[in-house]
Amino acid sequence: MLRIGLTGGIAAGKSTASARFAELGAVVVDHDHLARRAVAPGSAGLVEIARAFGDRAVREGALDRAALAAIVFSDPVARAQLDAIVHPYVFAMARAADKAARADGASVVVHDIPLLVEAASDHDYDLVVAIAADESTRQNRLVTSRGMSLADARARIASQASDGERAALADAVLDGNGSADELRAQVDEFWNLTVPSAP
């Protein structure tokens, strides 16, 4: 089973690439989805967050994502504290997903991990693919497509690893500056060159 780590900065195009990998037949493990499960109401992760950040981060038994984001994206120490709580749960669930995929006979599993560099988990994968896009392109996408203020967009980008840091760990870097179709074509090319069973 070929295990691929897929990463990229916010609004670089990683979701487009991930969706194309799934269309090509890969099992995709979405670590953002796992992170949401890790802090769901009643979870041990949410209890730890409440202990660490108090009533600022939890409202009516659920994670207040906007409030927590306001805390951690302006404070690197708080961000590291949050990561230390959430990452172990996410990677435990990811290992379980790998085991299930192997049992089902999957030939390719793609782990969609926005924070692969930050979590220092690249060593777990046979290959790492990074999606890169200029900061100006990403800022524009966050403002126009996600309704963020320019200041919030810049803060989100600044809180993540740089494209250079991701590229240093990657076996392949795909260009996310263009259209979705252009990025999908790059995924197809990578797939055809890399996956033995690809046509």
C-alpha atoms as a PDB file:
ATOM      1  CA  MET A   1       0.000   0.000   0.000  1.00  0.00           C
ATOM      2  CA  LEU A   2       1.423   3.361  -1.071  1.00  0.00           C
ATOM      3  CA  ARG A   3       0.950   6.060   1.584  1.00  0.00           C
ATOM      4  CA  ILE A   4       1.110   9.665   0.402  1.00  0.00           C
ATOM      5  CA  GLY A   5       1.151  12.740   2.611  1.00  0.00           C
ATOM      6  CA  LEU A   6      -0.561  15.680   0.870  1.00  0.00           C
ATOM      7  CA  THR A   7      -0.001  19.144   2.266  1.00  0.00           C
ATOM      8  CA  GLY A   8      -0.268  22.799   1.331  1.00  0.00           C
ATOM      9  CA  GLY A   9      -0.978  26.174   2.842  1.00  0.00           C
ATOM     10  CA  ILE A  10      -4.468  27.477   3.350  1.00  0.00           C
ATOM     11  CA  ALA A  11      -6.157  28.322   0.011  1.00  0.00           C
ATOM     12  CA  ALA A  12      -3.300  26.873  -2.046  1.00  0.00           C
ATOM     13  CA  GLY A  13      -5.502  24.296  -3.750  1.00  0.00           C
ATOM     14  CA  LYS A  14      -4.966  21.245  -1.579  1.00  0.00           C
ATOM     15  CA  SER A  15      -8.678  20.393  -1.440  1.00  0.00           C
ATOM     16  CA  THR A  16      -8.826  20.332  -5.240  1.00  0.00           C
ATOM     17  CA  ALA A  17      -5.831  18.011  -5.368  1.00  0.00           C
ATOM     18  CA  SER A  18      -7.254  15.794  -2.630  1.00  0.00           C
ATOM     19  CA  ALA A  19     -10.565  15.449  -4.454  1.00  0.00           C
ATOM     20  CA  ARG A  20      -8.753  14.500  -7.661  1.00  0.00           C
ATOM     21  CA  PHE A  21      -6.735  11.826  -5.861  1.00  0.00           C
ATOM     22  CA  ALA A  22     -10.027  10.366  -4.611  1.00  0.00           C
ATOM     23  CA  GLU A  23     -11.452  10.399  -8.154  1.00  0.00           C
ATOM     24  CA  LEU A  24      -8.396   8.491  -9.337  1.00  0.00           C
ATOM     25  CA  GLY A  25      -9.037   5.758  -6.790  1.00  0.00           C
ATOM     26  CA  ALA A  26      -7.060   6.702  -3.706  1.00  0.00           C
ATOM     27  CA  VAL A  27      -8.504   6.367  -0.230  1.00  0.00           C
ATOM     28  CA  VAL A  28      -8.290   9.897   1.205  1.00  0.00           C
ATOM     29  CA  VAL A  29      -7.889  10.428   4.942  1.00  0.00           C
ATOM     30  CA  ASP A  30      -8.878  14.023   5.702  1.00  0.00           C
ATOM     31  CA  HIS A  31      -6.983  15.171   8.795  1.00  0.00           C
ATOM     32  CA  ASP A  32      -9.134  18.306   9.109  1.00  0.00           C
ATOM     33  CA  HIS A  33     -12.151  16.021   9.457  1.00  0.00           C
ATOM     34  CA  LEU A  34     -10.284  13.944  12.033  1.00  0.00           C
ATOM     35  CA  ALA A  35      -9.371  17.121  13.926  1.00  0.00           C
ATOM     36  CA  ARG A  36     -13.048  18.080  14.097  1.00  0.00           C
ATOM     37  CA  ARG A  37     -13.882  14.615  15.443  1.00  0.00           C
ATOM     38  CA  ALA A  38     -11.099  14.950  18.011  1.00  0.00           C
ATOM     39  CA  VAL A  39     -12.772  18.013  19.559  1.00  0.00           C
ATOM     40  CA  ALA A  40     -16.423  17.046  19.123  1.00  0.00           C
ATOM     41  CA  PRO A  41     -18.819  17.606  22.053  1.00  0.00           C
ATOM     42  CA  GLY A  42     -18.107  15.079  24.781  1.00  0.00           C
ATOM     43  CA  SER A  43     -14.656  14.176  23.452  1.00  0.00           C
ATOM     44  CA  ALA A  44     -11.530  13.928  25.569  1.00  0.00           C
ATOM     45  CA  GLY A  45      -9.925  16.481  23.242  1.00  0.00           C
ATOM     46  CA  LEU A  46     -12.592  19.062  24.016  1.00  0.00           C
ATOM     47  CA  VAL A  47     -12.172  18.455  27.748  1.00  0.00           C
ATOM     48  CA  GLU A  48      -8.441  19.133  27.408  1.00  0.00           C
ATOM     49  CA  ILE A  49      -9.087  22.307  25.419  1.00  0.00           C
ATOM     50  CA  ALA A  50     -11.535  23.542  28.064  1.00  0.00           C
ATOM     51  CA  ARG A  51      -8.893  22.925  30.739  1.00  0.00           C
ATOM     52  CA  ALA A  52      -6.231  24.748  28.722  1.00  0.00           C
ATOM     53  CA  PHE A  53      -8.220  27.713  27.391  1.00  0.00           C
ATOM     54  CA  GLY A  54     -11.228  27.938  29.692  1.00  0.00           C
ATOM     55  CA  ASP A  55     -14.634  29.378  28.877  1.00  0.00           C
ATOM     56  CA  ARG A  56     -13.125  31.459  26.065  1.00  0.00           C
ATOM     57  CA  ALA A  57     -12.958  28.410  23.821  1.00  0.00           C
ATOM     58  CA  VAL A  58     -16.046  26.375  24.738  1.00  0.00           C
ATOM     59  CA  ARG A  59     -19.649  27.519  24.514  1.00  0.00           C
ATOM     60  CA  GLU A  60     -22.646  25.382  25.532  1.00  0.00           C
ATOM     61  CA  GLY A  61     -20.586  22.194  25.504  1.00  0.00           C
ATOM     62  CA  ALA A  62     -19.132  22.701  22.022  1.00  0.00           C
ATOM     63  CA  LEU A  63     -15.925  24.188  20.697  1.00  0.00           C
ATOM     64  CA  ASP A  64     -16.247  27.887  19.835  1.00  0.00           C
ATOM     65  CA  ARG A  65     -14.047  27.768  16.740  1.00  0.00           C
ATOM     66  CA  ALA A  66     -14.067  31.499  16.075  1.00  0.00           C
ATOM     67  CA  ALA A  67     -13.061  32.324  19.639  1.00  0.00           C
ATOM     68  CA  LEU A  68     -10.336  29.681  19.690  1.00  0.00           C
ATOM     69  CA  ALA A  69      -9.005  30.864  16.327  1.00  0.00           C
ATOM     70  CA  ALA A  70      -8.797  34.416  17.657  1.00  0.00           C
ATOM     71  CA  ILE A  71      -6.667  33.122  20.536  1.00  0.00           C
ATOM     72  CA  VAL A  72      -4.281  30.794  18.725  1.00  0.00           C
ATOM     73  CA  PHE A  73      -3.662  32.667  15.474  1.00  0.00           C
ATOM     74  CA  SER A  74      -2.269  35.640  17.383  1.00  0.00           C
ATOM     75  CA  ASP A  75      -0.279  33.661  19.941  1.00  0.00           C
ATOM     76  CA  PRO A  76       2.286  31.049  18.817  1.00  0.00           C
ATOM     77  CA  VAL A  77       2.528  29.599  22.327  1.00  0.00           C
ATOM     78  CA  ALA A  78      -1.239  29.050  22.460  1.00  0.00           C
ATOM     79  CA  ARG A  79      -1.159  27.552  18.967  1.00  0.00           C
ATOM     80  CA  ALA A  80       1.535  25.081  20.023  1.00  0.00           C
ATOM     81  CA  GLN A  81      -0.499  24.213  23.111  1.00  0.00           C
ATOM     82  CA  LEU A  82      -3.573  23.505  20.973  1.00  0.00           C
ATOM     83  CA  ASP A  83      -1.554  21.397  18.529  1.00  0.00           C
ATOM     84  CA  ALA A  84      -0.116  19.366  21.406  1.00  0.00           C
ATOM     85  CA  ILE A  85      -3.664  18.546  22.505  1.00  0.00           C
ATOM     86  CA  VAL A  86      -5.223  17.769  19.127  1.00  0.00           C
ATOM     87  CA  HIS A  87      -2.433  16.132  17.094  1.00  0.00           C
ATOM     88  CA  PRO A  88      -2.107  12.909  19.145  1.00  0.00           C
ATOM     89  CA  TYR A  89      -5.828  12.198  18.747  1.00  0.00           C
ATOM     90  CA  VAL A  90      -5.726  12.958  15.023  1.00  0.00           C
ATOM     91  CA  PHE A  91      -2.755  10.725  14.325  1.00  0.00           C
ATOM     92  CA  ALA A  92      -4.244   7.871  16.368  1.00  0.00           C
ATOM     93  CA  MET A  93      -7.375   8.060  14.206  1.00  0.00           C
ATOM     94  CA  ALA A  94      -5.221   8.305  11.062  1.00  0.00           C
ATOM     95  CA  ARG A  95      -3.384   5.116  11.990  1.00  0.00           C
ATOM     96  CA  ALA A  96      -6.737   3.380  12.441  1.00  0.00           C
ATOM     97  CA  ALA A  97      -7.845   4.635   9.009  1.00  0.00           C
ATOM     98  CA  ASP A  98      -4.637   3.248   7.479  1.00  0.00           C
ATOM     99  CA  LYS A  99      -5.257  -0.126   9.078  1.00  0.00           C
ATOM    100  CA  ALA A 100      -8.820  -0.201   7.754  1.00  0.00           C
ATOM    101  CA  ALA A 101      -7.706   0.794   4.258  1.00  0.00           C
ATOM    102  CA  ARG A 102      -5.073  -1.939   4.212  1.00  0.00           C
ATOM    103  CA  ALA A 103      -7.657  -4.496   5.361  1.00  0.00           C
ATOM    104  CA  ASP A 104      -9.933  -3.364   2.519  1.00  0.00           C
ATOM    105  CA  GLY A 105      -7.145  -3.898  -0.014  1.00  0.00           C
ATOM    106  CA  ALA A 106      -6.513  -0.233  -0.858  1.00  0.00           C
ATOM    107  CA  SER A 107      -3.446   0.307  -3.035  1.00  0.00           C
ATOM    108  CA  VAL A 108      -3.058   4.065  -2.406  1.00  0.00           C
ATOM    109  CA  VAL A 109      -3.936   6.068   0.704  1.00  0.00           C
ATOM    110  CA  VAL A 110      -3.577   9.850   0.631  1.00  0.00           C
ATOM    111  CA  HIS A 111      -3.382  11.651   3.958  1.00  0.00           C
ATOM    112  CA  ASP A 112      -4.674  15.198   3.440  1.00  0.00           C
ATOM    113  CA  ILE A 113      -2.685  17.095   6.104  1.00  0.00           C
ATOM    114  CA  PRO A 114      -2.643  20.907   6.066  1.00  0.00           C
ATOM    115  CA  LEU A 115      -0.124  21.010   8.924  1.00  0.00           C
ATOM    116  CA  LEU A 116       2.163  18.150   7.917  1.00  0.00           C
ATOM    117  CA  VAL A 117       5.311  20.233   8.399  1.00  0.00           C
ATOM    118  CA  GLU A 118       4.132  21.684  11.694  1.00  0.00           C
ATOM    119  CA  ALA A 119       3.231  18.224  13.014  1.00  0.00           C
ATOM    120  CA  ALA A 120       6.634  16.836  11.909  1.00  0.00           C
ATOM    121  CA  SER A 121       4.915  13.727  10.560  1.00  0.00           C
ATOM    122  CA  ASP A 122       6.458  13.522   7.087  1.00  0.00           C
ATOM    123  CA  HIS A 123       8.532  10.463   8.010  1.00  0.00           C
ATOM    124  CA  ASP A 124       5.369   8.336   8.143  1.00  0.00           C
ATOM    125  CA  TYR A 125       4.717   8.538   4.380  1.00  0.00           C
ATOM    126  CA  ASP A 126       6.224   6.866   1.339  1.00  0.00           C
ATOM    127  CA  LEU A 127       5.876  10.142  -0.590  1.00  0.00           C
ATOM    128  CA  VAL A 128       5.006  13.722   0.303  1.00  0.00           C
ATOM    129  CA  VAL A 129       3.221  16.011  -2.161  1.00  0.00           C
ATOM    130  CA  ALA A 130       2.989  19.760  -1.479  1.00  0.00           C
ATOM    131  CA  ILE A 131       0.654  22.219  -3.188  1.00  0.00           C
ATOM    132  CA  ALA A 132       2.252  25.665  -3.453  1.00  0.00           C
ATOM    133  CA  ALA A 133       0.706  29.024  -4.340  1.00  0.00           C
ATOM    134  CA  ASP A 134       1.845  32.618  -3.992  1.00  0.00           C
ATOM    135  CA  GLU A 135       0.773  34.419  -0.831  1.00  0.00           C
ATOM    136  CA  SER A 136      -1.016  37.081  -2.877  1.00  0.00           C
ATOM    137  CA  THR A 137      -3.058  34.393  -4.647  1.00  0.00           C
ATOM    138  CA  ARG A 138      -3.960  32.733  -1.377  1.00  0.00           C
ATOM    139  CA  GLN A 139      -4.869  36.025   0.290  1.00  0.00           C
ATOM    140  CA  ASN A 140      -7.163  36.889  -2.613  1.00  0.00           C
ATOM    141  CA  ARG A 141      -8.878  33.498  -2.420  1.00  0.00           C
ATOM    142  CA  LEU A 142      -9.426  33.799   1.323  1.00  0.00           C
ATOM    143  CA  VAL A 143     -10.917  37.277   0.984  1.00  0.00           C
ATOM    144  CA  THR A 144     -13.072  36.649  -2.090  1.00  0.00           C
ATOM    145  CA  SER A 145     -14.120  33.025  -1.551  1.00  0.00           C
ATOM    146  CA  ARG A 146     -14.152  32.660   2.221  1.00  0.00           C
ATOM    147  CA  GLY A 147     -15.097  36.170   3.259  1.00  0.00           C
ATOM    148  CA  MET A 148     -12.060  36.797   5.466  1.00  0.00           C
ATOM    149  CA  SER A 149     -10.673  40.228   6.078  1.00  0.00           C
ATOM    150  CA  LEU A 150      -7.256  40.823   4.554  1.00  0.00           C
ATOM    151  CA  ALA A 151      -5.759  41.017   8.059  1.00  0.00           C
ATOM    152  CA  ASP A 152      -7.274  37.650   9.018  1.00  0.00           C
ATOM    153  CA  ALA A 153      -6.088  36.086   5.757  1.00  0.00           C
ATOM    154  CA  ARG A 154      -2.552  37.293   6.355  1.00  0.00           C
ATOM    155  CA  ALA A 155      -2.614  36.038   9.953  1.00  0.00           C
ATOM    156  CA  ARG A 156      -3.776  32.575   8.882  1.00  0.00           C
ATOM    157  CA  ILE A 157      -1.057  32.322   6.245  1.00  0.00           C
ATOM    158  CA  ALA A 158       1.621  33.624   8.608  1.00  0.00           C
ATOM    159  CA  SER A 159       0.663  31.037  11.246  1.00  0.00           C
ATOM    160  CA  GLN A 160       1.513  28.161   8.893  1.00  0.00           C
ATOM    161  CA  ALA A 161       4.766  26.836   7.509  1.00  0.00           C
ATOM    162  CA  SER A 162       6.075  28.512   4.375  1.00  0.00           C
ATOM    163  CA  ASP A 163       5.973  26.985   0.898  1.00  0.00           C
ATOM    164  CA  GLY A 164       9.752  26.682   1.147  1.00  0.00           C
ATOM    165  CA  GLU A 165       9.522  24.645   4.340  1.00  0.00           C
ATOM    166  CA  ARG A 166       6.919  22.373   2.785  1.00  0.00           C
ATOM    167  CA  ALA A 167       8.963  21.992  -0.414  1.00  0.00           C
ATOM    168  CA  ALA A 168      12.019  20.965   1.623  1.00  0.00           C
ATOM    169  CA  LEU A 169      10.111  17.906   2.854  1.00  0.00           C
ATOM    170  CA  ALA A 170       8.226  17.150  -0.360  1.00  0.00           C
ATOM    171  CA  ASP A 171       8.996  14.601  -3.044  1.00  0.00           C
ATOM    172  CA  ALA A 172       6.830  16.587  -5.474  1.00  0.00           C
ATOM    173  CA  VAL A 173       5.545  20.165  -5.493  1.00  0.00           C
ATOM    174  CA  LEU A 174       2.453  20.997  -7.555  1.00  0.00           C
ATOM    175  CA  ASP A 175       1.588  24.556  -8.613  1.00  0.00           C
ATOM    176  CA  GLY A 176      -1.698  25.766  -7.157  1.00  0.00           C
ATOM    177  CA  ASN A 177      -1.592  29.268  -8.635  1.00  0.00           C
ATOM    178  CA  GLY A 178      -3.628  28.422 -11.729  1.00  0.00           C
ATOM    179  CA  SER A 179      -7.096  27.045 -12.301  1.00  0.00           C
ATOM    180  CA  ALA A 180      -8.572  23.966 -10.664  1.00  0.00           C
ATOM    181  CA  ASP A 181      -8.364  22.134 -13.989  1.00  0.00           C
ATOM    182  CA  GLU A 182      -4.657  22.928 -14.269  1.00  0.00           C
ATOM    183  CA  LEU A 183      -4.015  21.550 -10.786  1.00  0.00           C
ATOM    184  CA  ARG A 184      -6.058  18.420 -11.476  1.00  0.00           C
ATOM    185  CA  ALA A 185      -3.946  17.820 -14.585  1.00  0.00           C
ATOM    186  CA  GLN A 186      -0.793  17.988 -12.449  1.00  0.00           C
ATOM    187  CA  VAL A 187      -2.275  15.451 -10.038  1.00  0.00           C
ATOM    188  CA  ASP A 188      -3.019  13.171 -13.000  1.00  0.00           C
ATOM    189  CA  GLU A 189       0.564  13.453 -14.204  1.00  0.00           C
ATOM    190  CA  PHE A 190       1.937  12.690 -10.727  1.00  0.00           C
ATOM    191  CA  TRP A 191      -0.423   9.713 -10.422  1.00  0.00           C
ATOM    192  CA  ASN A 192       0.538   8.265 -13.783  1.00  0.00           C
ATOM    193  CA  LEU A 193       4.239   8.580 -13.006  1.00  0.00           C
ATOM    194  CA  THR A 194       4.062   7.316  -9.446  1.00  0.00           C
ATOM    195  CA  VAL A 195       1.287   4.806  -8.918  1.00  0.00           C
ATOM    196  CA  PRO A 196       2.212   1.418 -10.449  1.00  0.00           C
ATOM    197  CA  SER A 197      -1.385   0.498 -11.218  1.00  0.00           C
ATOM    198  CA  ALA A 198      -2.225   3.851 -12.818  1.00  0.00           C
ATOM    199  CA  PRO A 199      -3.153   3.631 -16.517  1.00  0.00           C
END
